[in-house]
Amino acid sequence: MQDSFPSIKNILLLDSEGKRVAVKYYSDDWPTLNAKLAYEKSVFTKTQKSNARTEAEITMFDGYIVIYKFIADLHFFVTGGDDENELIISTVLQAFFDAVGILLRNNVEKRSALENLDLILLCLDEIVDGGIILETDANVIAGNVASQGLEGGAILSEQTITQALATAREHLARSLLSS
């Protein structure tokens, strides 16, 4: 049954040196930590010279489709199987990229990402569960993450969550009004 749904193998957020900021694996294609780290290093090395700052880039790598985009000192990657639809994988990447931008109030850089790592990890959980894509609307994702942070009493300043929620509501209201 799971094969009938589009699925994601992993989502990676690496810094400008290829080191982990936030990663989630949804398949057993990389069974050990060393295999995961080797994959991250090799995909980073292969894409490092790319100029994926304005638009997402796509590549085939080790039998996987990898779509990636960079901003400041962060590198966003989404991996899917070679039989997956590139547009769907690209939509997941854009949702993650935009939701992080909303949650970090457009201050998307490594330091801010590390300071708000809990928000980014919640964001990953809102987008994909067990490899199955749950949500691709960045405004909905950011709103859900912000409300989870409020309910869960996460270790965040109240101002940060309130601002993230207000920003998500503002974006949602704008998108509803423009429809």
C-alpha atoms as a PDB file:
ATOM      1  CA  MET A   1       0.000   0.000   0.000  1.00  0.00           C
ATOM      2  CA  GLN A   2       2.811   2.404   0.878  1.00  0.00           C
ATOM      3  CA  ASP A   3       4.269   2.028  -2.639  1.00  0.00           C
ATOM      4  CA  SER A   4       1.227   3.737  -4.150  1.00  0.00           C
ATOM      5  CA  PHE A   5       2.035   7.033  -2.414  1.00  0.00           C
ATOM      6  CA  PRO A   6       4.893   9.341  -3.359  1.00  0.00           C
ATOM      7  CA  SER A   7       7.588   8.996  -0.735  1.00  0.00           C
ATOM      8  CA  ILE A   8      10.738  10.705   0.420  1.00  0.00           C
ATOM      9  CA  LYS A   9      13.973   8.919   1.392  1.00  0.00           C
ATOM     10  CA  ASN A  10      15.443  11.757   3.463  1.00  0.00           C
ATOM     11  CA  ILE A  11      15.497  15.477   4.105  1.00  0.00           C
ATOM     12  CA  LEU A  12      18.845  17.064   4.863  1.00  0.00           C
ATOM     13  CA  LEU A  13      19.781  20.501   6.137  1.00  0.00           C
ATOM     14  CA  LEU A  14      23.548  20.898   6.024  1.00  0.00           C
ATOM     15  CA  ASP A  15      25.809  23.857   6.660  1.00  0.00           C
ATOM     16  CA  SER A  16      28.252  25.369   4.157  1.00  0.00           C
ATOM     17  CA  GLU A  17      30.891  22.795   5.143  1.00  0.00           C
ATOM     18  CA  GLY A  18      28.571  19.818   4.656  1.00  0.00           C
ATOM     19  CA  LYS A  19      28.029  19.228   8.373  1.00  0.00           C
ATOM     20  CA  ARG A  20      24.611  18.302   9.767  1.00  0.00           C
ATOM     21  CA  VAL A  21      22.239  20.944  11.022  1.00  0.00           C
ATOM     22  CA  ALA A  22      19.039  18.844  10.878  1.00  0.00           C
ATOM     23  CA  VAL A  23      18.468  15.545   9.059  1.00  0.00           C
ATOM     24  CA  LYS A  24      15.678  12.970   8.890  1.00  0.00           C
ATOM     25  CA  TYR A  25      15.889   9.597   7.161  1.00  0.00           C
ATOM     26  CA  TYR A  26      12.701   7.773   6.209  1.00  0.00           C
ATOM     27  CA  SER A  27      14.115   4.589   4.668  1.00  0.00           C
ATOM     28  CA  ASP A  28      16.601   1.879   5.503  1.00  0.00           C
ATOM     29  CA  ASP A  29      18.669   2.587   2.396  1.00  0.00           C
ATOM     30  CA  TRP A  30      21.385   3.917   4.724  1.00  0.00           C
ATOM     31  CA  PRO A  31      21.258   1.472   7.665  1.00  0.00           C
ATOM     32  CA  THR A  32      24.114   2.853   9.783  1.00  0.00           C
ATOM     33  CA  LEU A  33      25.203   6.251  10.987  1.00  0.00           C
ATOM     34  CA  ASN A  34      28.399   5.894   8.957  1.00  0.00           C
ATOM     35  CA  ALA A  35      26.390   5.160   5.798  1.00  0.00           C
ATOM     36  CA  LYS A  36      24.241   8.245   6.428  1.00  0.00           C
ATOM     37  CA  LEU A  37      27.256  10.464   7.063  1.00  0.00           C
ATOM     38  CA  ALA A  38      28.983   9.130   3.931  1.00  0.00           C
ATOM     39  CA  TYR A  39      25.856   9.837   1.852  1.00  0.00           C
ATOM     40  CA  GLU A  40      25.592  13.371   3.252  1.00  0.00           C
ATOM     41  CA  LYS A  41      29.267  14.058   2.516  1.00  0.00           C
ATOM     42  CA  SER A  42      29.091  12.720  -1.023  1.00  0.00           C
ATOM     43  CA  VAL A  43      25.842  14.530  -1.940  1.00  0.00           C
ATOM     44  CA  PHE A  44      27.253  17.754  -0.479  1.00  0.00           C
ATOM     45  CA  THR A  45      30.511  17.344  -2.419  1.00  0.00           C
ATOM     46  CA  LYS A  46      28.657  16.638  -5.683  1.00  0.00           C
ATOM     47  CA  THR A  47      26.419  19.717  -5.354  1.00  0.00           C
ATOM     48  CA  GLN A  48      28.842  22.129  -3.694  1.00  0.00           C
ATOM     49  CA  LYS A  49      29.891  23.930  -6.890  1.00  0.00           C
ATOM     50  CA  SER A  50      26.290  24.385  -8.025  1.00  0.00           C
ATOM     51  CA  ASN A  51      24.596  27.758  -7.933  1.00  0.00           C
ATOM     52  CA  ALA A  52      21.266  26.591  -6.486  1.00  0.00           C
ATOM     53  CA  ARG A  53      20.517  29.891  -4.764  1.00  0.00           C
ATOM     54  CA  THR A  54      17.759  31.313  -6.922  1.00  0.00           C
ATOM     55  CA  GLU A  55      16.031  28.103  -7.990  1.00  0.00           C
ATOM     56  CA  ALA A  56      16.157  24.509  -6.870  1.00  0.00           C
ATOM     57  CA  GLU A  57      18.457  22.187  -8.803  1.00  0.00           C
ATOM     58  CA  ILE A  58      17.945  18.499  -9.521  1.00  0.00           C
ATOM     59  CA  THR A  59      20.462  15.703  -9.914  1.00  0.00           C
ATOM     60  CA  MET A  60      20.580  11.925 -10.070  1.00  0.00           C
ATOM     61  CA  PHE A  61      22.920  10.599  -7.422  1.00  0.00           C
ATOM     62  CA  ASP A  62      23.611   6.945  -6.584  1.00  0.00           C
ATOM     63  CA  GLY A  63      20.255   5.932  -8.076  1.00  0.00           C
ATOM     64  CA  TYR A  64      18.285   8.620  -6.210  1.00  0.00           C
ATOM     65  CA  ILE A  65      16.718  11.886  -7.280  1.00  0.00           C
ATOM     66  CA  VAL A  66      18.144  14.713  -5.188  1.00  0.00           C
ATOM     67  CA  ILE A  67      16.626  18.184  -5.322  1.00  0.00           C
ATOM     68  CA  TYR A  68      18.462  20.932  -3.486  1.00  0.00           C
ATOM     69  CA  LYS A  69      18.567  24.636  -2.813  1.00  0.00           C
ATOM     70  CA  PHE A  70      20.980  26.874  -0.921  1.00  0.00           C
ATOM     71  CA  ILE A  71      20.498  30.051   1.063  1.00  0.00           C
ATOM     72  CA  ALA A  72      23.222  31.872   2.997  1.00  0.00           C
ATOM     73  CA  ASP A  73      25.243  29.129   4.732  1.00  0.00           C
ATOM     74  CA  LEU A  74      22.508  26.468   4.652  1.00  0.00           C
ATOM     75  CA  HIS A  75      22.020  23.723   2.085  1.00  0.00           C
ATOM     76  CA  PHE A  76      18.564  22.100   1.816  1.00  0.00           C
ATOM     77  CA  PHE A  77      18.274  18.627   0.211  1.00  0.00           C
ATOM     78  CA  VAL A  78      15.351  16.261  -0.397  1.00  0.00           C
ATOM     79  CA  THR A  79      16.008  12.755  -1.725  1.00  0.00           C
ATOM     80  CA  GLY A  80      13.520  10.477  -3.439  1.00  0.00           C
ATOM     81  CA  GLY A  81      13.730   7.172  -5.250  1.00  0.00           C
ATOM     82  CA  ASP A  82      14.573   7.186  -8.957  1.00  0.00           C
ATOM     83  CA  ASP A  83      10.950   6.296  -9.745  1.00  0.00           C
ATOM     84  CA  GLU A  84       9.468   9.277  -7.863  1.00  0.00           C
ATOM     85  CA  ASN A  85       8.014  12.366  -9.503  1.00  0.00           C
ATOM     86  CA  GLU A  86      10.569  15.191  -9.485  1.00  0.00           C
ATOM     87  CA  LEU A  87       7.832  17.821  -9.128  1.00  0.00           C
ATOM     88  CA  ILE A  88       6.559  16.220  -5.939  1.00  0.00           C
ATOM     89  CA  ILE A  89      10.046  16.044  -4.450  1.00  0.00           C
ATOM     90  CA  SER A  90      10.598  19.657  -5.490  1.00  0.00           C
ATOM     91  CA  THR A  91       7.331  20.665  -3.795  1.00  0.00           C
ATOM     92  CA  VAL A  92       8.528  19.048  -0.546  1.00  0.00           C
ATOM     93  CA  LEU A  93      11.838  20.921  -0.781  1.00  0.00           C
ATOM     94  CA  GLN A  94      10.085  24.236  -1.416  1.00  0.00           C
ATOM     95  CA  ALA A  95       7.658  23.631   1.474  1.00  0.00           C
ATOM     96  CA  PHE A  96      10.551  22.915   3.861  1.00  0.00           C
ATOM     97  CA  PHE A  97      12.543  25.884   2.555  1.00  0.00           C
ATOM     98  CA  ASP A  98       9.600  28.317   2.829  1.00  0.00           C
ATOM     99  CA  ALA A  99       8.394  27.031   6.222  1.00  0.00           C
ATOM    100  CA  VAL A 100      11.886  27.452   7.684  1.00  0.00           C
ATOM    101  CA  GLY A 101      11.944  30.975   6.257  1.00  0.00           C
ATOM    102  CA  ILE A 102       8.629  31.778   7.920  1.00  0.00           C
ATOM    103  CA  LEU A 103       9.618  30.252  11.258  1.00  0.00           C
ATOM    104  CA  LEU A 104      13.001  31.985  11.299  1.00  0.00           C
ATOM    105  CA  ARG A 105      11.392  35.252  10.167  1.00  0.00           C
ATOM    106  CA  ASN A 106      13.482  35.275   6.970  1.00  0.00           C
ATOM    107  CA  ASN A 107      16.702  35.127   8.997  1.00  0.00           C
ATOM    108  CA  VAL A 108      17.656  31.832   7.354  1.00  0.00           C
ATOM    109  CA  GLU A 109      21.255  31.158   8.308  1.00  0.00           C
ATOM    110  CA  LYS A 110      23.086  28.521  10.341  1.00  0.00           C
ATOM    111  CA  ARG A 111      23.191  30.333  13.670  1.00  0.00           C
ATOM    112  CA  SER A 112      19.475  31.124  13.611  1.00  0.00           C
ATOM    113  CA  ALA A 113      18.705  27.555  12.488  1.00  0.00           C
ATOM    114  CA  LEU A 114      20.685  26.078  15.383  1.00  0.00           C
ATOM    115  CA  GLU A 115      19.028  28.434  17.874  1.00  0.00           C
ATOM    116  CA  ASN A 116      15.622  27.263  16.593  1.00  0.00           C
ATOM    117  CA  LEU A 117      16.487  23.636  15.892  1.00  0.00           C
ATOM    118  CA  ASP A 118      13.370  22.434  17.717  1.00  0.00           C
ATOM    119  CA  LEU A 119      11.186  24.396  15.273  1.00  0.00           C
ATOM    120  CA  ILE A 120      13.045  22.951  12.282  1.00  0.00           C
ATOM    121  CA  LEU A 121      12.691  19.381  13.567  1.00  0.00           C
ATOM    122  CA  LEU A 122       8.969  19.928  14.185  1.00  0.00           C
ATOM    123  CA  CYS A 123       8.764  21.339  10.668  1.00  0.00           C
ATOM    124  CA  LEU A 124      10.247  18.113   9.250  1.00  0.00           C
ATOM    125  CA  ASP A 125       7.684  16.094  11.224  1.00  0.00           C
ATOM    126  CA  GLU A 126       4.844  18.202   9.814  1.00  0.00           C
ATOM    127  CA  ILE A 127       5.995  17.700   6.221  1.00  0.00           C
ATOM    128  CA  VAL A 128       6.824  13.971   6.122  1.00  0.00           C
ATOM    129  CA  ASP A 129       6.000  11.016   8.359  1.00  0.00           C
ATOM    130  CA  GLY A 130       7.661   7.691   7.670  1.00  0.00           C
ATOM    131  CA  GLY A 131       8.507   8.858   4.161  1.00  0.00           C
ATOM    132  CA  ILE A 132       4.886   9.724   3.316  1.00  0.00           C
ATOM    133  CA  ILE A 133       4.275  13.370   2.437  1.00  0.00           C
ATOM    134  CA  LEU A 134       1.740  14.934   4.799  1.00  0.00           C
ATOM    135  CA  GLU A 135       1.765  18.640   3.972  1.00  0.00           C
ATOM    136  CA  THR A 136       3.360  20.938   1.397  1.00  0.00           C
ATOM    137  CA  ASP A 137       1.818  24.322   2.255  1.00  0.00           C
ATOM    138  CA  ALA A 138       4.525  26.285   4.085  1.00  0.00           C
ATOM    139  CA  ASN A 139       1.977  28.514   5.843  1.00  0.00           C
ATOM    140  CA  VAL A 140       0.092  25.516   7.247  1.00  0.00           C
ATOM    141  CA  ILE A 141       3.355  23.831   8.280  1.00  0.00           C
ATOM    142  CA  ALA A 142       4.642  26.956  10.056  1.00  0.00           C
ATOM    143  CA  GLY A 143       1.273  27.484  11.748  1.00  0.00           C
ATOM    144  CA  ASN A 144       1.170  23.886  12.988  1.00  0.00           C
ATOM    145  CA  VAL A 145       4.755  24.085  14.247  1.00  0.00           C
ATOM    146  CA  ALA A 146       4.072  27.355  16.060  1.00  0.00           C
ATOM    147  CA  SER A 147       0.904  26.000  17.685  1.00  0.00           C
ATOM    148  CA  GLN A 148       2.659  22.769  18.717  1.00  0.00           C
ATOM    149  CA  GLY A 149       5.351  24.852  20.339  1.00  0.00           C
ATOM    150  CA  LEU A 150       2.718  26.770  22.301  1.00  0.00           C
ATOM    151  CA  GLU A 151       0.876  23.615  23.409  1.00  0.00           C
ATOM    152  CA  GLY A 152       3.978  21.550  24.109  1.00  0.00           C
ATOM    153  CA  GLY A 153       5.653  24.215  26.194  1.00  0.00           C
ATOM    154  CA  ALA A 154       8.817  23.839  24.154  1.00  0.00           C
ATOM    155  CA  ILE A 155      11.947  25.563  25.366  1.00  0.00           C
ATOM    156  CA  LEU A 156      11.454  28.699  23.311  1.00  0.00           C
ATOM    157  CA  SER A 157      10.923  32.271  24.223  1.00  0.00           C
ATOM    158  CA  GLU A 158       7.215  33.133  24.107  1.00  0.00           C
ATOM    159  CA  GLN A 159       7.974  36.016  21.777  1.00  0.00           C
ATOM    160  CA  THR A 160       9.531  33.735  19.148  1.00  0.00           C
ATOM    161  CA  ILE A 161       6.523  31.418  18.996  1.00  0.00           C
ATOM    162  CA  THR A 162       4.073  34.295  19.012  1.00  0.00           C
ATOM    163  CA  GLN A 163       5.931  36.035  16.210  1.00  0.00           C
ATOM    164  CA  ALA A 164       6.146  32.805  14.181  1.00  0.00           C
ATOM    165  CA  LEU A 165       2.434  32.175  14.643  1.00  0.00           C
ATOM    166  CA  ALA A 166       1.569  35.760  13.728  1.00  0.00           C
ATOM    167  CA  THR A 167       3.730  35.556  10.607  1.00  0.00           C
ATOM    168  CA  ALA A 168       2.140  32.232   9.598  1.00  0.00           C
ATOM    169  CA  ARG A 169      -1.349  33.678  10.110  1.00  0.00           C
ATOM    170  CA  GLU A 170      -0.439  36.752   8.078  1.00  0.00           C
ATOM    171  CA  HIS A 171       0.877  34.628   5.184  1.00  0.00           C
ATOM    172  CA  LEU A 172      -2.174  32.368   5.348  1.00  0.00           C
ATOM    173  CA  ALA A 173      -4.544  35.340   5.335  1.00  0.00           C
ATOM    174  CA  ARG A 174      -2.714  36.847   2.355  1.00  0.00           C
ATOM    175  CA  SER A 175      -2.846  33.585   0.438  1.00  0.00           C
ATOM    176  CA  LEU A 176      -6.564  33.183   1.161  1.00  0.00           C
ATOM    177  CA  LEU A 177      -7.313  36.753   0.095  1.00  0.00           C
ATOM    178  CA  SER A 178      -5.341  36.403  -3.130  1.00  0.00           C
ATOM    179  CA  SER A 179      -7.154  33.186  -4.100  1.00  0.00           C
END
